[in-house]
Amino acid sequence: MTFTEIIKLLDETRANFVLLLCHHNSDPDAICSAYAFQGLLKKLRPDVTVEIGAGQGISRLSKHLLEYIPITVNMKPNVEKTQVIVLLDTNTIQQLGGLAERVAKSAVPIIVIDHHAAHPETEHIAKLCVTNEEASSTCEIVYNFFKQLNTKPGLNEAKALFLGIAFDTRHFVLANSSTFKTIAELCGIGVNAQEALSMLALPMDFSERVARMKACRRAKLLKIGEWIIAFSHVSAYQASAARALIDLGAHMAAVAGQRNENIEISLRCTREFNAKTGIHLGRDIAKPLGEYLQGMGGGHATAAGVNGTGDIETGLKRCLRLLKEKLSNH
């Protein structure tokens, strides 16, 4: 799928307003890829209004980056006004939170740009799906659009792309050779790597520290074969808590949180666990777990998330069952 096909669709619809939507609690890859994509569209079609929307808010780190890069995010995007909707780093409309129903009812073409595997439901409603699981991030996919057109992003767009890639690769720990080539080219445009990376160093606030420690205190550890699996629960910062358990020595961690009848589960694992077991957390655990909880799940091979209905015990028990099934087939 090339960028030319996206432009062709915009021209066919004669769109003069395009809405770029990011998932709830939008991370730097989502926000920064949307910003760079917005810049590319404006460069090619200057008369088209291109707006970035995030109906369920953006992450604390993303807010911090807005101090350095002039990204404007509309927290109350006008779904009904747009002629084309583009979902970035968002492979299901359920990840849009309160906007999901409005997007589902919309009759306008939907374009998906993501580095996660496309969800079957999303493929059904989308006019175009640009997905590449080999890409480190959605920012890397958007940068390749610039390359396809033999043009370069501006300095702010290059900074945004650098930051999104750095965030999603955990400061390049998960980067591959094509990622490093992209990073080198962005630095060639004028991005100061050390300066940019310092923008991602957000001090951990008190409540996140407490959540991490509570998750460790409540953790239930299981040994399955050679693997240490940790399950825990906290009311907030589930993803951070799951990362903390991995940093402490678990090979795979699942941390759940309950809000009324809704449950959120963050999954993390080491690269060694993924490589040796072949388990892809997004595809093999989060997706079926999300369906079981009458919600949605997905993500990367080593980092994934689930939203659904039910209670913590039910969610984590099902997670363990799915994990055991996959490990027994290994």
Protein backbone atom coordinates (compact mmCIF):
# COMPACT_ATOMS: atom_id res chain seq x y z
CA MET A 1 0.00 0.00 0.00
CA THR A 2 1.47 3.35 -1.04
CA PHE A 3 0.78 6.91 -0.03
CA THR A 4 -0.41 7.59 -3.58
CA GLU A 5 -3.47 5.43 -2.91
CA ILE A 6 -4.31 7.51 0.16
CA ILE A 7 -4.08 10.74 -1.86
CA LYS A 8 -6.18 9.16 -4.62
CA LEU A 9 -8.93 8.37 -2.10
CA LEU A 10 -8.84 11.92 -0.71
CA ASP A 11 -9.14 13.34 -4.22
CA GLU A 12 -11.97 10.97 -5.14
CA THR A 13 -13.96 12.07 -2.09
CA ARG A 14 -13.07 15.73 -2.77
CA ALA A 15 -12.32 16.01 0.92
CA ASN A 16 -11.74 19.50 2.30
CA PHE A 17 -11.71 18.31 5.95
CA VAL A 18 -9.72 15.28 7.11
CA LEU A 19 -9.79 14.06 10.72
CA LEU A 20 -6.80 12.18 12.13
CA LEU A 21 -7.79 10.17 15.21
CA CYS A 22 -5.52 8.63 17.86
CA HIS A 23 -6.32 5.98 20.48
CA HIS A 24 -7.36 6.83 24.05
CA ASN A 25 -4.55 8.08 26.28
CA SER A 26 -2.58 8.68 23.07
CA ASP A 27 1.13 7.90 23.37
CA PRO A 28 3.96 9.72 21.55
CA ASP A 29 3.92 7.33 18.57
CA ALA A 30 0.22 8.06 17.95
CA ILE A 31 0.44 11.84 18.44
CA CYS A 32 3.74 12.30 16.62
CA SER A 33 2.78 10.13 13.63
CA ALA A 34 -0.46 12.11 13.32
CA TYR A 35 1.47 15.40 13.41
CA ALA A 36 3.94 14.32 10.71
CA PHE A 37 1.12 12.88 8.58
CA GLN A 38 -0.80 16.14 8.99
CA GLY A 39 2.25 18.04 7.74
CA LEU A 40 2.62 15.78 4.70
CA LEU A 41 -1.05 16.15 3.73
CA LYS A 42 -0.89 19.93 4.14
CA LYS A 43 2.20 20.02 1.95
CA LEU A 44 0.45 18.13 -0.86
CA ARG A 45 -3.07 19.53 -0.44
CA PRO A 46 -2.69 22.98 1.23
CA ASP A 47 -6.40 23.78 0.81
CA VAL A 48 -7.49 20.76 2.89
CA THR A 49 -8.11 21.25 6.62
CA VAL A 50 -6.39 18.45 8.57
CA GLU A 51 -7.20 18.12 12.29
CA ILE A 52 -5.73 15.80 14.93
CA GLY A 53 -8.27 14.46 17.42
CA ALA A 54 -8.06 12.39 20.59
CA GLY A 55 -11.46 12.19 22.25
CA GLN A 56 -10.21 10.28 25.29
CA GLY A 57 -7.18 12.46 25.95
CA ILE A 58 -3.45 12.01 25.52
CA SER A 59 -0.84 10.55 27.84
CA ARG A 60 1.13 12.56 30.36
CA LEU A 61 4.29 12.10 28.30
CA SER A 62 2.52 13.23 25.12
CA LYS A 63 1.37 16.39 26.92
CA HIS A 64 4.99 16.99 27.94
CA LEU A 65 6.12 16.73 24.28
CA LEU A 66 3.62 19.42 23.25
CA GLU A 67 5.91 21.88 25.07
CA TYR A 68 8.61 21.19 22.49
CA ILE A 69 6.69 20.52 19.27
CA PRO A 70 3.75 22.68 18.05
CA ILE A 71 1.17 19.88 17.90
CA THR A 72 -2.47 20.88 18.27
CA VAL A 73 -4.83 18.14 19.46
CA ASN A 74 -8.60 18.64 19.55
CA MET A 75 -10.09 16.78 22.52
CA LYS A 76 -13.58 17.27 21.08
CA PRO A 77 -13.09 16.39 17.41
CA ASN A 78 -15.96 16.98 14.98
CA VAL A 79 -16.51 13.46 13.60
CA GLU A 80 -19.70 14.48 11.81
CA LYS A 81 -18.02 17.32 9.88
CA THR A 82 -15.19 15.33 8.29
CA GLN A 83 -15.13 13.76 4.82
CA VAL A 84 -12.35 11.25 5.63
CA ILE A 85 -11.25 9.68 8.92
CA VAL A 86 -7.68 8.42 9.39
CA LEU A 87 -6.88 6.20 12.38
CA LEU A 88 -3.19 6.32 13.36
CA ASP A 89 -1.62 3.75 15.68
CA THR A 90 -5.20 2.62 16.34
CA ASN A 91 -6.25 -0.75 14.96
CA THR A 92 -9.78 -0.91 16.38
CA ILE A 93 -12.40 1.82 16.75
CA GLN A 94 -12.98 0.61 20.33
CA GLN A 95 -9.59 2.16 21.15
CA LEU A 96 -11.19 5.54 20.44
CA GLY A 97 -13.23 5.29 23.64
CA GLY A 98 -16.20 7.67 23.59
CA LEU A 99 -15.71 8.44 19.87
CA ALA A 100 -16.06 4.78 18.81
CA GLU A 101 -19.83 4.81 18.31
CA ARG A 102 -19.75 8.07 16.33
CA VAL A 103 -17.00 6.75 14.06
CA ALA A 104 -18.88 3.46 13.56
CA LYS A 105 -21.98 5.38 12.48
CA SER A 106 -20.03 7.62 10.10
CA ALA A 107 -20.51 6.96 6.39
CA VAL A 108 -17.19 8.54 5.34
CA PRO A 109 -14.16 6.48 4.22
CA ILE A 110 -11.88 5.28 7.01
CA ILE A 111 -8.12 4.86 6.50
CA VAL A 112 -6.02 2.89 9.01
CA ILE A 113 -2.27 3.47 9.37
CA ASP A 114 -0.72 1.21 11.99
CA HIS A 115 2.21 -1.06 12.78
CA HIS A 116 -0.04 -3.58 14.53
CA ALA A 117 -1.82 -6.39 12.71
CA ALA A 118 -5.14 -5.17 11.36
CA HIS A 119 -8.14 -6.35 13.39
CA PRO A 120 -10.76 -8.21 11.26
CA GLU A 121 -13.49 -5.80 12.37
CA THR A 122 -11.32 -2.85 11.34
CA GLU A 123 -10.56 -4.41 7.96
CA HIS A 124 -14.30 -4.74 7.43
CA ILE A 125 -15.10 -1.06 7.99
CA ALA A 126 -11.91 0.51 6.58
CA LYS A 127 -11.60 1.65 2.99
CA LEU A 128 -7.80 1.42 3.16
CA CYS A 129 -5.52 -0.37 5.65
CA VAL A 130 -1.82 0.51 5.66
CA THR A 131 -0.28 -1.86 8.20
CA ASN A 132 3.24 -3.18 8.61
CA GLU A 133 4.15 -5.31 11.61
CA GLU A 134 7.81 -5.17 10.60
CA ALA A 135 7.84 -1.41 11.23
CA SER A 136 9.02 -0.34 14.69
CA SER A 137 6.26 2.22 15.01
CA THR A 138 3.54 4.09 13.15
CA CYS A 139 6.01 6.99 12.89
CA GLU A 140 8.31 4.78 10.82
CA ILE A 141 5.45 4.02 8.41
CA VAL A 142 4.66 7.74 8.07
CA TYR A 143 8.32 8.54 7.44
CA ASN A 144 8.27 6.02 4.60
CA PHE A 145 5.41 8.02 3.03
CA PHE A 146 7.80 11.00 2.83
CA LYS A 147 10.40 8.76 1.19
CA GLN A 148 7.88 7.40 -1.33
CA LEU A 149 7.25 11.00 -2.43
CA ASN A 150 10.99 11.80 -2.44
CA THR A 151 10.45 14.64 0.02
CA LYS A 152 11.76 15.36 3.51
CA PRO A 153 9.83 16.26 6.66
CA GLY A 154 10.42 19.69 8.21
CA LEU A 155 12.55 19.89 11.34
CA ASN A 156 9.61 19.79 13.79
CA GLU A 157 8.06 16.87 11.88
CA ALA A 158 11.44 15.09 11.90
CA LYS A 159 11.69 15.63 15.69
CA ALA A 160 8.19 14.24 16.14
CA LEU A 161 9.00 11.15 14.05
CA PHE A 162 12.25 10.62 15.99
CA LEU A 163 10.41 10.86 19.33
CA GLY A 164 7.62 8.49 18.28
CA ILE A 165 10.13 5.90 17.09
CA ALA A 166 12.32 6.30 20.19
CA PHE A 167 9.29 5.87 22.45
CA ASP A 168 7.87 2.78 20.76
CA THR A 169 11.26 1.05 20.53
CA ARG A 170 12.04 1.78 24.20
CA HIS A 171 14.93 4.07 23.24
CA PHE A 172 15.89 1.75 20.32
CA VAL A 173 16.09 -1.46 22.37
CA LEU A 174 13.46 -2.92 20.02
CA ALA A 175 14.79 -1.24 16.87
CA ASN A 176 15.86 -3.14 13.76
CA SER A 177 18.27 -2.17 10.96
CA SER A 178 15.65 -0.22 8.97
CA THR A 179 14.78 1.72 12.13
CA PHE A 180 18.38 2.79 12.65
CA LYS A 181 18.58 3.85 9.01
CA THR A 182 15.47 5.99 9.51
CA ILE A 183 16.91 7.51 12.71
CA ALA A 184 20.16 8.37 10.92
CA GLU A 185 18.22 10.11 8.14
CA LEU A 186 16.14 12.09 10.65
CA CYS A 187 19.32 13.20 12.40
CA GLY A 188 20.62 14.22 8.97
CA ILE A 189 17.64 16.58 8.67
CA GLY A 190 18.75 18.30 11.87
CA VAL A 191 17.37 16.35 14.83
CA ASN A 192 19.70 16.45 17.83
CA ALA A 193 19.40 12.89 19.15
CA GLN A 194 20.58 13.59 22.72
CA GLU A 195 18.35 16.64 23.04
CA ALA A 196 15.33 14.79 21.65
CA LEU A 197 15.81 11.76 23.90
CA SER A 198 15.96 14.02 26.95
CA MET A 199 12.38 15.11 26.11
CA LEU A 200 11.23 11.53 26.78
CA ALA A 201 12.73 11.53 30.28
CA LEU A 202 9.58 12.39 32.20
CA PRO A 203 9.94 12.23 35.98
CA MET A 204 7.78 9.53 37.53
CA ASP A 205 5.10 11.07 39.69
CA PHE A 206 4.22 9.93 43.21
CA SER A 207 1.08 7.96 42.28
CA GLU A 208 2.86 6.00 39.56
CA ARG A 209 5.61 5.05 42.00
CA VAL A 210 2.99 3.88 44.51
CA ALA A 211 1.15 1.90 41.81
CA ARG A 212 4.36 0.13 40.82
CA MET A 213 5.16 -0.80 44.42
CA LYS A 214 1.61 -1.98 45.08
CA ALA A 215 1.73 -4.15 41.96
CA CYS A 216 4.96 -5.75 43.18
CA ARG A 217 3.54 -6.32 46.67
CA ARG A 218 0.37 -7.93 45.27
CA ALA A 219 2.11 -9.96 42.57
CA LYS A 220 1.39 -13.68 42.27
CA LEU A 221 4.30 -15.52 40.72
CA LEU A 222 4.03 -18.73 38.71
CA LYS A 223 6.79 -20.83 37.23
CA ILE A 224 5.75 -22.47 33.97
CA GLY A 225 8.66 -24.45 32.56
CA GLU A 226 11.63 -22.11 32.56
CA TRP A 227 9.47 -18.97 32.68
CA ILE A 228 8.50 -16.74 35.61
CA ILE A 229 5.02 -15.29 35.08
CA ALA A 230 3.70 -12.46 37.25
CA PHE A 231 0.06 -11.45 37.73
CA SER A 232 -1.04 -8.39 39.69
CA HIS A 233 -3.61 -5.61 39.93
CA VAL A 234 -3.62 -1.87 40.60
CA SER A 235 -6.24 0.83 40.06
CA ALA A 236 -4.06 2.89 37.69
CA TYR A 237 -0.75 2.79 35.79
CA GLN A 238 -1.18 -0.87 34.81
CA ALA A 239 1.29 -0.59 31.91
CA SER A 240 3.97 1.00 34.08
CA ALA A 241 3.40 -1.64 36.77
CA ALA A 242 3.73 -4.45 34.21
CA ARG A 243 7.03 -2.96 32.99
CA ALA A 244 8.23 -2.76 36.60
CA LEU A 245 7.55 -6.47 37.12
CA ILE A 246 9.53 -7.28 33.97
CA ASP A 247 12.40 -5.07 35.14
CA LEU A 248 12.40 -6.94 38.45
CA GLY A 249 12.88 -10.30 36.73
CA ALA A 250 9.55 -11.69 35.45
CA HIS A 251 9.60 -13.03 31.89
CA MET A 252 5.96 -12.13 31.35
CA ALA A 253 3.61 -9.92 33.39
CA ALA A 254 -0.11 -9.16 33.32
CA VAL A 255 -1.45 -6.31 35.46
CA ALA A 256 -5.19 -5.66 35.68
CA GLY A 257 -7.23 -2.69 36.82
CA GLN A 258 -10.96 -2.33 37.54
CA ARG A 259 -13.17 0.68 36.87
CA ASN A 260 -16.81 -0.05 37.68
CA GLU A 261 -17.73 -2.98 35.40
CA ASN A 262 -14.81 -2.32 33.05
CA ILE A 263 -11.47 -4.08 33.25
CA GLU A 264 -8.12 -3.09 31.75
CA ILE A 265 -5.18 -5.49 31.50
CA SER A 266 -1.65 -4.55 30.43
CA LEU A 267 0.64 -7.31 29.19
CA ARG A 268 4.42 -7.19 28.91
CA CYS A 269 7.13 -9.79 28.27
CA THR A 270 10.84 -9.96 27.58
CA ARG A 271 12.20 -10.32 24.05
CA GLU A 272 13.69 -13.67 25.14
CA PHE A 273 10.22 -14.94 26.11
CA ASN A 274 8.79 -13.86 22.77
CA ALA A 275 11.69 -15.31 20.75
CA LYS A 276 11.82 -18.70 22.50
CA THR A 277 8.08 -19.33 22.89
CA GLY A 278 6.89 -17.67 19.69
CA ILE A 279 4.06 -16.08 21.70
CA HIS A 280 2.94 -12.72 20.30
CA LEU A 281 1.18 -10.97 23.20
CA GLY A 282 -1.06 -8.84 20.97
CA ARG A 283 -2.19 -11.62 18.64
CA ASP A 284 -2.09 -14.71 20.86
CA ILE A 285 -3.13 -13.38 24.27
CA ALA A 286 -4.64 -9.87 24.12
CA LYS A 287 -6.89 -10.41 21.10
CA PRO A 288 -8.65 -13.60 22.33
CA LEU A 289 -8.72 -12.25 25.90
CA GLY A 290 -10.41 -9.06 24.70
CA GLU A 291 -13.03 -11.09 22.83
CA TYR A 292 -13.65 -13.23 25.92
CA LEU A 293 -14.18 -10.09 28.01
CA GLN A 294 -16.57 -8.69 25.38
CA GLY A 295 -14.14 -5.92 24.56
CA MET A 296 -10.99 -5.50 22.51
CA GLY A 297 -7.35 -6.48 22.81
CA GLY A 298 -4.24 -6.11 20.70
CA GLY A 299 -0.73 -4.75 20.54
CA HIS A 300 2.85 -5.74 19.90
CA ALA A 301 4.70 -9.01 20.34
CA THR A 302 6.12 -7.90 23.70
CA ALA A 303 3.58 -5.26 24.81
CA ALA A 304 -0.20 -5.41 24.56
CA GLY A 305 -3.40 -4.25 26.21
CA VAL A 306 -6.97 -5.40 26.79
CA ASN A 307 -10.19 -3.52 27.58
CA GLY A 308 -13.43 -5.30 28.42
CA THR A 309 -16.09 -6.01 31.01
CA GLY A 310 -15.79 -8.32 33.98
CA ASP A 311 -13.71 -8.61 37.12
CA ILE A 312 -9.99 -8.84 37.73
CA GLU A 313 -9.98 -12.47 38.87
CA THR A 314 -11.90 -13.65 35.80
CA GLY A 315 -9.67 -11.65 33.45
CA LEU A 316 -6.38 -12.85 34.90
CA LYS A 317 -7.56 -16.48 35.12
CA ARG A 318 -8.49 -16.43 31.44
CA CYS A 319 -5.15 -14.80 30.64
CA LEU A 320 -3.33 -17.60 32.45
CA ARG A 321 -5.36 -20.24 30.63
CA LEU A 322 -4.54 -18.74 27.23
CA LEU A 323 -0.89 -18.51 28.21
CA LYS A 324 -0.74 -22.14 29.35
CA GLU A 325 -2.41 -23.30 26.13
CA LYS A 326 0.14 -21.46 24.02
CA LEU A 327 3.09 -22.68 26.08
CA SER A 328 1.86 -26.28 25.96
CA ASN A 329 1.76 -26.08 22.16
CA HIS A 330 5.31 -24.79 22.05
